[in-house]
Amino acid sequence: TVADASQAQLVTAFSKLSEDGLKALGEALGAGASGEEAASAAAKAEPSKLQEAYAKLGEEDLQKLSAAFGSADGKDADGGKADEIPEDWGWPKEPFEPEDLRLYVLEATKPTDQEKWDEALEARALDSKKEDFVAEKAFANLLLNKEGTGEARTGGVYDGIDIRAYKKGKWYRFLNHKGDCHVYVHNYTRDITATRPDNYAELTEEEKKFLKKLGVYIKELPAEIERVYKNEKAIPVIFASSDSCEAMRTYFQYDKNSTLLDATKLKRVNSGALEDCRKAIVNAMKLGTTLCVYCGEVLPEFSEKICISKYKDTFPLSLFMYDGMSNDMVRERLFRDDEKEGGQCPIRPGFQVCILIMYDTMGLALSSMKADELPSKIPEYARMHQVRIYNDDDKKKRSE
């Protein structure tokens, strides 16, 4: 779009840039620091060269430049409608959904190994002088060749923002991975910025209420389980449609950080089913994984027939208590001699429990009868934290 502008339009647009922005643009184009010189160079430059030059601008200058080439008649500089994305831009045909964008932000804003390493060293050196911290970091990184030897934030979201993202599409706001600040992400390019763009779109109250009723997006469930354990200090009991339950059942069965306890085998309590459950609990503790107690459609009689004194060495009541399995006596009864490590019954970091229950109606909800059964069938249910999840099909059905 900018490449097709006349030199007069370029001069007008560049005059809106900050002094530093104009200087950076001129240097990138091999021109002087005046608007006329930069415009003359831009008019002759190849589109790829222009894109490289614009990437040197700060975010505020990029927004000013993008706004300068807009028009008030609903059309952009290409003559197309403002809400249409030209095919030659190479953007996706459809924008990313807010749920996908939120997951992308969480992943993209994770600290690098270098940043984790720096943070660990700084924590160790809180009571030391700055010189001591610098010396220790240099020794660890260079002499010992430890993890974190200069990983840079390059590539992907750090390559610079597509200037066209300030003109078309929308930006959404989400918390970063650490949860200490908001960032903005574009719904087509997935560019990320900390500065609020002009075409930022806040979710409407109707959209917020709709998503709140749906609950947690299925792909975010692992992170939500961790959040509930860390912040709420409670066991999450998860409610889902049949499709979502089957998807998560498969996930917990094969994910390396998860262990599946298939409680559907306990519809009829027998020694074989109880032994399978015991082994799943022990394996999850030894590996430090998330143990999913999958209940399916019919709730087992945990309180009255399973978590009783008769079976305390195979299916302990403590499993349904937050941090209940940290009790040494409980684990001693549960572990068999060949499962112990050096005579100990380990419970490794990362072990946590969740319960997965299937909705028994088509409306993404429990029937009143099943809801009334929960406190009597699941021990310590009142202390658990309820989590509803949904998938893309659930969302479509709910919106119809």
Protein backbone atom coordinates (compact mmCIF):
# COMPACT_ATOMS: atom_id res chain seq x y z
CA THR A 1 0.00 0.00 0.00
CA VAL A 2 2.72 2.47 0.97
CA ALA A 3 4.79 1.46 -2.04
CA ASP A 4 2.06 2.76 -4.39
CA ALA A 5 1.86 6.19 -2.76
CA SER A 6 3.08 9.31 -4.52
CA GLN A 7 6.11 11.18 -3.27
CA ALA A 8 3.87 13.99 -2.03
CA GLN A 9 1.85 11.48 0.02
CA LEU A 10 5.06 10.02 1.41
CA VAL A 11 6.36 13.44 2.45
CA THR A 12 3.08 14.16 4.26
CA ALA A 13 3.12 10.79 5.98
CA PHE A 14 6.77 10.95 7.00
CA SER A 15 6.27 14.42 8.47
CA LYS A 16 4.14 12.81 11.18
CA LEU A 17 7.01 10.63 12.39
CA SER A 18 9.07 11.46 15.44
CA GLU A 19 12.56 12.87 14.93
CA ASP A 20 14.14 9.57 15.95
CA GLY A 21 11.75 7.62 13.75
CA LEU A 22 12.48 9.74 10.69
CA LYS A 23 16.21 9.42 11.31
CA ALA A 24 15.96 5.62 11.61
CA LEU A 25 13.87 5.42 8.45
CA GLY A 26 16.29 7.62 6.51
CA GLU A 27 19.29 5.54 7.59
CA ALA A 28 17.52 2.30 6.62
CA LEU A 29 16.74 3.70 3.17
CA GLY A 30 20.21 5.19 2.73
CA ALA A 31 18.84 8.72 2.76
CA GLY A 32 19.02 11.82 4.92
CA ALA A 33 16.95 12.61 7.99
CA SER A 34 14.47 14.96 6.28
CA GLY A 35 11.00 13.97 5.16
CA GLU A 36 11.74 14.93 1.56
CA GLU A 37 14.92 12.83 1.38
CA ALA A 38 13.28 9.80 2.99
CA ALA A 39 10.24 10.12 0.71
CA SER A 40 12.43 10.31 -2.38
CA ALA A 41 14.30 7.16 -1.36
CA ALA A 42 11.07 5.36 -0.43
CA ALA A 43 9.48 6.15 -3.79
CA LYS A 44 12.37 4.35 -5.55
CA ALA A 45 12.80 1.46 -3.11
CA GLU A 46 11.63 -2.10 -3.65
CA PRO A 47 8.69 -3.25 -1.45
CA SER A 48 10.94 -5.67 0.45
CA LYS A 49 13.38 -2.86 1.18
CA LEU A 50 10.52 -0.68 2.39
CA GLN A 51 9.29 -3.40 4.72
CA GLU A 52 12.78 -3.76 6.20
CA ALA A 53 12.98 0.00 6.69
CA TYR A 54 9.59 0.24 8.39
CA ALA A 55 10.63 -2.55 10.76
CA LYS A 56 13.19 -0.12 12.18
CA LEU A 57 10.45 2.22 13.38
CA GLY A 58 9.05 2.21 16.88
CA GLU A 59 5.49 1.07 17.44
CA GLU A 60 4.06 4.58 17.85
CA ASP A 61 5.65 5.73 14.60
CA LEU A 62 4.34 2.63 12.81
CA GLN A 63 0.82 3.46 13.94
CA LYS A 64 1.19 7.08 12.81
CA LEU A 65 2.46 5.96 9.42
CA SER A 66 -0.34 3.44 8.99
CA ALA A 67 -2.97 6.00 9.97
CA ALA A 68 -1.51 8.52 7.52
CA PHE A 69 -2.27 6.22 4.59
CA GLY A 70 -5.83 5.51 5.68
CA SER A 71 -8.84 7.35 4.31
CA ALA A 72 -12.20 8.37 5.71
CA ASP A 73 -14.34 6.73 3.02
CA GLY A 74 -13.96 3.16 4.33
CA LYS A 75 -11.32 2.24 1.75
CA ASP A 76 -7.61 1.74 2.14
CA ALA A 77 -4.75 2.86 -0.06
CA ASP A 78 -5.26 -0.19 -2.29
CA GLY A 79 -8.82 0.93 -3.05
CA GLY A 80 -10.28 -2.10 -1.30
CA LYS A 81 -12.75 -2.19 1.56
CA ALA A 82 -11.26 -1.62 4.98
CA ASP A 83 -12.31 -5.03 6.32
CA GLU A 84 -10.98 -7.04 3.36
CA ILE A 85 -7.51 -8.61 3.41
CA PRO A 86 -5.73 -8.60 0.02
CA GLU A 87 -4.66 -12.10 -1.02
CA ASP A 88 -1.15 -10.95 -1.94
CA TRP A 89 -0.48 -10.00 1.69
CA GLY A 90 -0.04 -13.68 2.52
CA TRP A 91 -2.18 -13.48 5.65
CA PRO A 92 -4.45 -16.39 6.71
CA LYS A 93 -7.84 -16.46 5.02
CA GLU A 94 -9.58 -16.40 8.39
CA PRO A 95 -8.48 -14.63 11.60
CA PHE A 96 -7.34 -16.62 14.61
CA GLU A 97 -9.91 -17.14 17.36
CA PRO A 98 -9.33 -15.31 20.67
CA GLU A 99 -8.76 -18.65 22.44
CA ASP A 100 -5.96 -19.57 20.02
CA LEU A 101 -4.42 -16.12 20.33
CA ARG A 102 -4.39 -16.37 24.12
CA LEU A 103 -2.56 -19.69 23.97
CA TYR A 104 -0.09 -18.26 21.46
CA VAL A 105 0.65 -15.31 23.75
CA LEU A 106 1.26 -17.59 26.73
CA GLU A 107 3.73 -19.66 24.71
CA ALA A 108 5.44 -16.75 22.94
CA THR A 109 6.02 -14.77 26.14
CA LYS A 110 7.61 -17.59 28.11
CA PRO A 111 11.02 -16.58 29.49
CA THR A 112 13.97 -17.88 27.51
CA ASP A 113 16.52 -20.21 29.10
CA GLN A 114 18.88 -17.26 29.32
CA GLU A 115 16.31 -15.18 31.21
CA LYS A 116 15.57 -18.09 33.58
CA TRP A 117 19.29 -18.51 34.19
CA ASP A 118 19.79 -14.80 34.85
CA GLU A 119 16.86 -14.78 37.28
CA ALA A 120 18.24 -17.77 39.19
CA LEU A 121 21.68 -16.18 39.46
CA GLU A 122 20.20 -12.89 40.56
CA ALA A 123 18.16 -14.63 43.26
CA ARG A 124 21.31 -16.28 44.58
CA ALA A 125 23.11 -12.95 44.60
CA LEU A 126 20.47 -10.88 46.42
CA ASP A 127 22.81 -10.29 49.33
CA SER A 128 25.88 -9.84 47.15
CA LYS A 129 27.39 -6.85 45.45
CA LYS A 130 26.65 -6.16 41.80
CA GLU A 131 30.28 -6.99 40.94
CA ASP A 132 29.91 -10.40 42.60
CA PHE A 133 26.77 -11.15 40.58
CA VAL A 134 28.45 -10.17 37.30
CA ALA A 135 31.52 -12.25 38.12
CA GLU A 136 29.46 -15.30 39.09
CA LYS A 137 27.36 -15.05 35.91
CA ALA A 138 30.46 -14.79 33.72
CA PHE A 139 32.07 -17.76 35.44
CA ALA A 140 28.95 -19.94 35.20
CA ASN A 141 28.16 -19.05 31.59
CA LEU A 142 31.59 -19.03 30.06
CA LEU A 143 33.83 -21.30 32.11
CA LEU A 144 31.34 -23.94 33.20
CA ASN A 145 29.36 -23.63 29.94
CA LYS A 146 26.13 -23.92 31.88
CA GLU A 147 22.65 -23.61 30.38
CA GLY A 148 21.87 -20.05 29.44
CA THR A 149 24.87 -18.84 27.48
CA GLY A 150 23.38 -15.97 25.60
CA GLU A 151 20.12 -17.11 24.01
CA ALA A 152 18.73 -14.05 22.27
CA ARG A 153 15.12 -13.16 21.56
CA THR A 154 15.28 -13.30 17.78
CA GLY A 155 12.98 -14.61 15.09
CA GLY A 156 9.20 -15.04 15.22
CA VAL A 157 7.48 -12.29 17.22
CA TYR A 158 10.80 -10.47 17.64
CA ASP A 159 11.40 -9.85 13.94
CA GLY A 160 9.29 -6.70 13.90
CA ILE A 161 5.60 -5.95 13.43
CA ASP A 162 3.99 -6.00 10.00
CA ILE A 163 3.00 -2.36 9.49
CA ARG A 164 -0.23 -3.46 7.80
CA ALA A 165 -1.37 -5.00 11.10
CA TYR A 166 -2.03 -1.46 12.36
CA LYS A 167 -4.47 -0.92 9.52
CA LYS A 168 -6.38 -4.17 9.06
CA GLY A 169 -7.55 -6.89 11.37
CA LYS A 170 -7.89 -6.48 15.12
CA TRP A 171 -5.70 -6.60 18.19
CA TYR A 172 -6.71 -8.39 21.38
CA ARG A 173 -5.31 -7.98 24.88
CA PHE A 174 -4.16 -10.86 27.07
CA LEU A 175 -1.89 -11.36 30.07
CA ASN A 176 1.65 -12.52 29.32
CA HIS A 177 2.98 -15.89 30.49
CA LYS A 178 4.14 -14.55 33.84
CA GLY A 179 0.78 -12.87 34.40
CA ASP A 180 2.27 -9.53 35.43
CA CYS A 181 1.33 -7.37 32.43
CA HIS A 182 -0.95 -7.23 29.38
CA VAL A 183 0.20 -7.46 25.78
CA TYR A 184 -1.64 -7.02 22.48
CA VAL A 185 -1.74 -9.67 19.76
CA HIS A 186 -3.00 -9.31 16.17
CA ASN A 187 -5.74 -11.68 15.03
CA TYR A 188 -4.15 -12.34 11.59
CA THR A 189 -0.38 -11.96 11.92
CA ARG A 190 -0.14 -12.85 15.65
CA ASP A 191 2.30 -9.96 16.07
CA ILE A 192 2.69 -9.02 19.74
CA THR A 193 3.24 -5.55 21.20
CA ALA A 194 3.08 -3.98 24.64
CA THR A 195 1.74 -0.68 23.24
CA ARG A 196 -1.99 -0.39 22.65
CA PRO A 197 -2.63 -0.09 18.87
CA ASP A 198 -5.33 2.17 17.45
CA ASN A 199 -7.24 -0.79 16.02
CA TYR A 200 -7.35 -2.64 19.36
CA ALA A 201 -10.71 -4.37 19.85
CA GLU A 202 -11.97 -4.97 23.38
CA LEU A 203 -14.28 -7.98 23.73
CA THR A 204 -17.89 -6.85 24.04
CA GLU A 205 -19.80 -7.53 27.25
CA GLU A 206 -21.90 -10.04 25.33
CA GLU A 207 -18.76 -11.88 24.13
CA LYS A 208 -17.32 -11.88 27.65
CA LYS A 209 -20.51 -13.33 29.12
CA PHE A 210 -20.69 -15.94 26.36
CA LEU A 211 -17.11 -17.12 26.94
CA LYS A 212 -17.59 -17.07 30.72
CA LYS A 213 -20.57 -19.42 30.40
CA LEU A 214 -18.55 -21.78 28.22
CA GLY A 215 -15.69 -21.90 30.72
CA VAL A 216 -12.08 -22.76 29.87
CA TYR A 217 -11.00 -23.56 26.33
CA ILE A 218 -9.96 -27.23 26.13
CA LYS A 219 -6.39 -26.45 25.07
CA GLU A 220 -5.93 -24.29 28.15
CA LEU A 221 -6.97 -27.00 30.62
CA PRO A 222 -3.44 -28.16 31.61
CA ALA A 223 -2.50 -24.58 32.50
CA GLU A 224 -5.81 -24.10 34.34
CA ILE A 225 -5.22 -27.23 36.45
CA GLU A 226 -1.81 -25.88 37.43
CA ARG A 227 -3.32 -22.47 38.23
CA VAL A 228 -6.02 -23.99 40.46
CA TYR A 229 -3.44 -26.04 42.35
CA LYS A 230 -1.09 -23.11 42.80
CA ASN A 231 -3.56 -20.30 43.53
CA GLU A 232 -6.74 -21.94 44.81
CA LYS A 233 -5.03 -24.77 46.75
CA ALA A 234 -7.79 -27.12 45.64
CA ILE A 235 -8.42 -30.17 43.47
CA PRO A 236 -10.08 -29.19 40.17
CA VAL A 237 -13.23 -31.12 39.23
CA ILE A 238 -13.69 -30.72 35.48
CA PHE A 239 -17.01 -30.83 33.62
CA ALA A 240 -17.10 -31.38 29.86
CA SER A 241 -19.18 -32.57 26.92
CA SER A 242 -18.78 -36.15 25.69
CA ASP A 243 -16.47 -35.05 22.85
CA SER A 244 -14.29 -32.97 25.16
CA CYS A 245 -14.17 -35.79 27.72
CA GLU A 246 -13.00 -38.29 25.14
CA ALA A 247 -10.38 -35.85 23.84
CA MET A 248 -9.03 -35.19 27.34
CA ARG A 249 -9.17 -38.87 28.25
CA THR A 250 -6.86 -39.58 25.31
CA TYR A 251 -4.66 -36.64 26.26
CA PHE A 252 -4.19 -37.78 29.87
CA GLN A 253 -3.52 -41.32 28.67
CA TYR A 254 -0.66 -40.45 26.33
CA ASP A 255 0.75 -37.11 27.53
CA LYS A 256 4.16 -37.58 29.16
CA ASN A 257 3.25 -35.26 32.02
CA SER A 258 -0.06 -36.98 32.77
CA THR A 259 -1.41 -40.28 34.07
CA LEU A 260 -4.94 -41.60 33.51
CA LEU A 261 -6.89 -43.34 36.26
CA ASP A 262 -9.88 -44.86 34.46
CA ALA A 263 -12.54 -44.88 37.18
CA THR A 264 -15.19 -46.18 34.76
CA LYS A 265 -13.83 -49.63 35.66
CA LEU A 266 -15.18 -49.09 39.17
CA LYS A 267 -18.85 -49.22 38.21
CA ARG A 268 -18.55 -52.72 39.64
CA VAL A 269 -15.95 -52.70 42.39
CA ASN A 270 -13.53 -55.64 42.07
CA SER A 271 -9.93 -56.40 43.03
CA GLY A 272 -8.63 -56.13 39.43
CA ALA A 273 -10.09 -52.67 38.87
CA LEU A 274 -8.88 -51.45 42.27
CA GLU A 275 -5.35 -52.72 41.57
CA ASP A 276 -5.27 -50.87 38.23
CA CYS A 277 -6.28 -47.68 40.05
CA ARG A 278 -3.65 -48.20 42.76
CA LYS A 279 -0.90 -48.64 40.16
CA ALA A 280 -1.99 -45.45 38.37
CA ILE A 281 -1.81 -43.46 41.64
CA VAL A 282 1.63 -44.85 42.49
CA ASN A 283 3.00 -44.23 38.99
CA ALA A 284 1.74 -40.64 38.98
CA MET A 285 3.44 -39.93 42.32
CA LYS A 286 6.71 -41.56 41.28
CA LEU A 287 6.80 -39.69 37.95
CA GLY A 288 5.45 -36.38 39.26
CA THR A 289 2.56 -36.20 36.77
CA THR A 290 -1.03 -34.96 36.76
CA LEU A 291 -3.37 -37.80 37.74
CA CYS A 292 -6.74 -37.56 36.02
CA VAL A 293 -9.54 -39.53 37.70
CA TYR A 294 -11.80 -40.10 34.68
CA CYS A 295 -15.41 -40.80 35.71
CA GLY A 296 -17.20 -40.72 32.37
CA GLU A 297 -21.00 -40.72 32.30
CA VAL A 298 -21.74 -42.65 35.51
CA LEU A 299 -20.27 -41.56 38.83
CA PRO A 300 -18.62 -44.37 40.82
CA GLU A 301 -19.65 -44.72 44.47
CA PHE A 302 -16.37 -43.35 45.80
CA SER A 303 -17.67 -42.34 49.25
CA GLU A 304 -19.68 -45.43 50.14
CA LYS A 305 -18.06 -48.32 48.25
CA ILE A 306 -14.49 -47.40 47.22
CA CYS A 307 -12.78 -44.98 49.61
CA ILE A 308 -13.57 -47.10 52.66
CA SER A 309 -11.35 -48.69 55.30
CA LYS A 310 -11.50 -52.05 53.52
CA TYR A 311 -9.69 -50.57 50.51
CA LYS A 312 -7.48 -47.98 52.21
CA ASP A 313 -4.36 -49.73 50.84
CA THR A 314 -5.61 -49.55 47.23
CA PHE A 315 -7.79 -46.43 46.88
CA PRO A 316 -7.22 -44.00 49.79
CA LEU A 317 -9.68 -41.27 50.74
CA SER A 318 -6.69 -38.88 50.87
CA LEU A 319 -6.57 -38.88 47.07
CA PHE A 320 -9.55 -36.51 47.07
CA MET A 321 -7.93 -34.09 49.52
CA TYR A 322 -5.65 -31.31 48.35
CA ASP A 323 -2.08 -32.39 49.15
CA GLY A 324 -3.55 -35.44 50.89
CA MET A 325 -1.05 -37.87 49.35
CA SER A 326 1.87 -36.09 51.01
CA ASN A 327 1.03 -38.07 54.16
CA ASP A 328 3.79 -40.66 54.61
CA MET A 329 1.52 -43.21 56.27
CA VAL A 330 -0.97 -43.08 53.39
CA ARG A 331 1.75 -43.70 50.81
CA GLU A 332 3.32 -46.47 52.93
CA ARG A 333 0.06 -48.43 52.75
CA LEU A 334 -0.30 -47.79 49.03
CA PHE A 335 3.19 -48.70 47.79
CA ARG A 336 4.30 -52.30 47.39
CA ASP A 337 7.87 -53.32 48.25
CA ASP A 338 8.97 -53.62 44.60
CA GLU A 339 7.64 -50.10 43.88
CA LYS A 340 9.63 -48.37 46.59
CA GLU A 341 12.87 -46.55 45.88
CA GLY A 342 15.55 -47.20 48.48
CA GLY A 343 12.82 -48.19 50.89
CA GLN A 344 11.03 -44.86 50.35
CA CYS A 345 7.61 -44.04 48.85
CA PRO A 346 8.37 -40.97 46.71
CA ILE A 347 5.95 -38.25 45.68
CA ARG A 348 7.76 -36.07 43.16
CA PRO A 349 7.12 -32.42 42.31
CA GLY A 350 4.45 -32.05 39.64
CA PHE A 351 2.06 -34.61 41.14
CA GLN A 352 -1.47 -33.24 41.23
CA VAL A 353 -4.97 -34.66 40.96
CA CYS A 354 -7.98 -33.68 38.87
CA ILE A 355 -11.39 -35.29 38.32
CA LEU A 356 -13.07 -35.38 34.90
CA ILE A 357 -16.87 -35.72 34.70
CA MET A 358 -19.09 -35.82 31.60
CA TYR A 359 -22.20 -33.65 31.19
CA ASP A 360 -25.37 -35.74 31.05
CA THR A 361 -27.37 -33.21 28.98
CA MET A 362 -26.98 -31.74 25.49
CA GLY A 363 -26.84 -28.20 26.86
CA LEU A 364 -23.30 -28.28 28.25
CA ALA A 365 -24.59 -28.67 31.78
CA LEU A 366 -25.32 -31.28 34.43
CA SER A 367 -28.86 -32.36 35.11
CA SER A 368 -30.14 -31.37 38.55
CA MET A 369 -30.21 -35.04 39.56
CA LYS A 370 -26.54 -35.62 38.71
CA ALA A 371 -25.50 -32.33 40.29
CA ASP A 372 -27.22 -33.40 43.53
CA GLU A 373 -25.31 -36.71 43.49
CA LEU A 374 -21.85 -35.16 43.42
CA PRO A 375 -21.44 -34.22 47.12
CA SER A 376 -22.59 -37.66 48.27
CA LYS A 377 -20.50 -39.69 45.82
CA ILE A 378 -17.22 -37.74 45.71
CA PRO A 379 -15.38 -37.28 49.02
CA GLU A 380 -14.40 -33.70 49.90
CA TYR A 381 -16.38 -32.42 46.90
CA ALA A 382 -17.30 -29.16 48.65
CA ARG A 383 -13.59 -28.24 48.89
CA MET A 384 -12.91 -28.78 45.18
CA HIS A 385 -12.76 -26.12 42.49
CA GLN A 386 -15.20 -26.47 39.58
CA VAL A 387 -13.87 -26.00 36.04
CA ARG A 388 -16.00 -26.14 32.88
CA ILE A 389 -14.25 -26.73 29.55
CA TYR A 390 -15.36 -26.47 25.95
CA ASN A 391 -14.09 -27.22 22.44
CA ASP A 392 -14.73 -25.49 19.11
CA ASP A 393 -17.84 -27.58 18.37
CA ASP A 394 -19.25 -26.81 21.81
CA LYS A 395 -18.81 -23.12 21.11
CA LYS A 396 -20.61 -23.36 17.76
CA LYS A 397 -23.51 -25.30 19.22
CA ARG A 398 -23.89 -22.82 22.08
CA SER A 399 -23.90 -19.84 19.70
CA GLU A 400 -26.55 -21.33 17.39
